[in-house]
Amino acid sequence: MQPDQISIRRPTAVFRPKESAPTFNLDRPIKGMKVGIRTDQFWRSWLDVADVWSDLLKKDGATPVVLRVGEQTGEEGQHTKDLVDAWAGSVDCAVVGLAN
């Protein structure tokens, strides 16, 4: 290499294949379905998103069933788990959060 030349190295890592979360398809129209939307008191922006989803579901003929849960641990956590279990058994499908 000459003194007035430089060598540029570009160590680029090999990227792994992009992984994504599984998606689900109802394979039927949403009209007439009971669609659960789970929210919690700590994620305030999701409450707004859940309201929008509820409105859109109603427009498409579905019945939104919103569940707002509280604490996840201790005695209150057990109560939350019981609520979620009962709610999950009462809906046809559910949205429990985005990017959770």
Protein backbone atom coordinates (compact mmCIF):
# COMPACT_ATOMS: atom_id res chain seq x y z
CA MET A 1 0.00 0.00 0.00
CA GLN A 2 1.30 3.44 -0.91
CA PRO A 3 1.76 6.06 1.86
CA ASP A 4 -0.93 8.27 0.27
CA GLN A 5 -3.49 5.45 0.09
CA ILE A 6 -5.85 4.24 2.73
CA SER A 7 -7.62 0.94 3.06
CA ILE A 8 -11.26 1.01 3.99
CA ARG A 9 -12.58 -2.02 5.75
CA ARG A 10 -16.22 -2.65 6.08
CA PRO A 11 -16.91 -5.36 8.62
CA THR A 12 -20.61 -5.94 8.10
CA ALA A 13 -22.21 -8.63 10.19
CA VAL A 14 -24.28 -11.29 8.51
CA PHE A 15 -27.89 -10.70 9.45
CA ARG A 16 -30.00 -13.52 10.74
CA PRO A 17 -33.26 -14.25 8.95
CA LYS A 18 -35.99 -11.96 10.17
CA GLU A 19 -38.24 -13.65 12.72
CA SER A 20 -41.78 -12.56 13.34
CA ALA A 21 -44.55 -13.34 15.75
CA PRO A 22 -47.12 -15.88 14.65
CA THR A 23 -50.27 -14.54 13.06
CA PHE A 24 -53.69 -16.07 13.17
CA ASN A 25 -56.52 -16.20 10.69
CA LEU A 26 -60.12 -16.70 11.75
CA ASP A 27 -60.99 -18.28 8.39
CA ARG A 28 -64.48 -16.85 8.66
CA PRO A 29 -66.18 -13.45 8.71
CA ILE A 30 -65.95 -11.58 11.99
CA LYS A 31 -69.63 -10.64 11.87
CA GLY A 32 -71.51 -12.24 14.75
CA MET A 33 -68.38 -13.13 16.71
CA LYS A 34 -67.61 -12.13 20.27
CA VAL A 35 -64.14 -10.57 20.16
CA GLY A 36 -62.30 -10.05 23.42
CA ILE A 37 -60.05 -7.06 23.94
CA ARG A 38 -57.86 -7.25 27.03
CA THR A 39 -56.57 -4.02 28.50
CA ASP A 40 -54.92 -3.10 31.76
CA GLN A 41 -54.77 -0.03 33.93
CA PHE A 42 -51.05 0.49 33.41
CA TRP A 43 -50.90 0.82 29.63
CA ARG A 44 -52.98 3.94 29.06
CA SER A 45 -52.30 4.28 25.33
CA TRP A 46 -53.67 0.76 24.78
CA LEU A 47 -56.97 1.91 26.31
CA ASP A 48 -57.31 4.38 23.43
CA VAL A 49 -56.35 1.72 20.88
CA ALA A 50 -58.88 -0.69 22.41
CA ASP A 51 -61.62 1.93 22.01
CA VAL A 52 -60.80 2.29 18.32
CA TRP A 53 -60.73 -1.49 17.85
CA SER A 54 -64.10 -1.78 19.63
CA ASP A 55 -65.67 0.77 17.30
CA LEU A 56 -64.26 -0.95 14.22
CA LEU A 57 -65.41 -4.36 15.41
CA LYS A 58 -68.94 -3.05 16.00
CA LYS A 59 -68.99 -1.59 12.47
CA ASP A 60 -68.06 -5.05 11.14
CA GLY A 61 -70.88 -6.71 13.09
CA ALA A 62 -68.83 -8.22 15.93
CA THR A 63 -69.47 -7.81 19.63
CA PRO A 64 -66.42 -6.50 21.49
CA VAL A 65 -65.98 -7.85 25.02
CA VAL A 66 -63.48 -5.60 26.78
CA LEU A 67 -61.72 -6.81 29.91
CA ARG A 68 -59.65 -4.36 31.94
CA VAL A 69 -57.37 -6.17 34.37
CA GLY A 70 -55.40 -4.98 37.35
CA GLU A 71 -52.50 -6.37 39.31
CA GLN A 72 -50.63 -9.45 38.10
CA THR A 73 -49.19 -10.70 41.40
CA GLY A 74 -50.34 -11.75 44.83
CA GLU A 75 -53.97 -12.11 45.85
CA GLU A 76 -55.06 -9.45 43.35
CA GLY A 77 -53.10 -11.32 40.67
CA GLN A 78 -55.08 -14.49 41.35
CA HIS A 79 -58.28 -12.51 41.02
CA THR A 80 -57.00 -11.13 37.68
CA LYS A 81 -56.13 -14.64 36.50
CA ASP A 82 -59.62 -15.87 37.38
CA LEU A 83 -61.18 -12.95 35.47
CA VAL A 84 -59.00 -13.61 32.41
CA ASP A 85 -59.81 -17.34 32.45
CA ALA A 86 -63.57 -16.67 32.59
CA TRP A 87 -63.32 -13.97 29.91
CA ALA A 88 -61.24 -16.18 27.59
CA GLY A 89 -63.90 -18.87 27.79
CA SER A 90 -66.64 -16.41 26.83
CA VAL A 91 -65.20 -15.05 23.56
CA ASP A 92 -64.57 -16.52 20.12
CA CYS A 93 -61.18 -14.84 19.74
CA ALA A 94 -59.26 -12.05 21.44
CA VAL A 95 -56.72 -9.28 21.07
CA VAL A 96 -54.59 -9.10 24.19
CA GLY A 97 -52.13 -6.39 23.18
CA LEU A 98 -49.76 -5.38 20.49
CA ALA A 99 -46.04 -6.12 20.82
CA ASN A 100 -46.47 -7.66 24.26
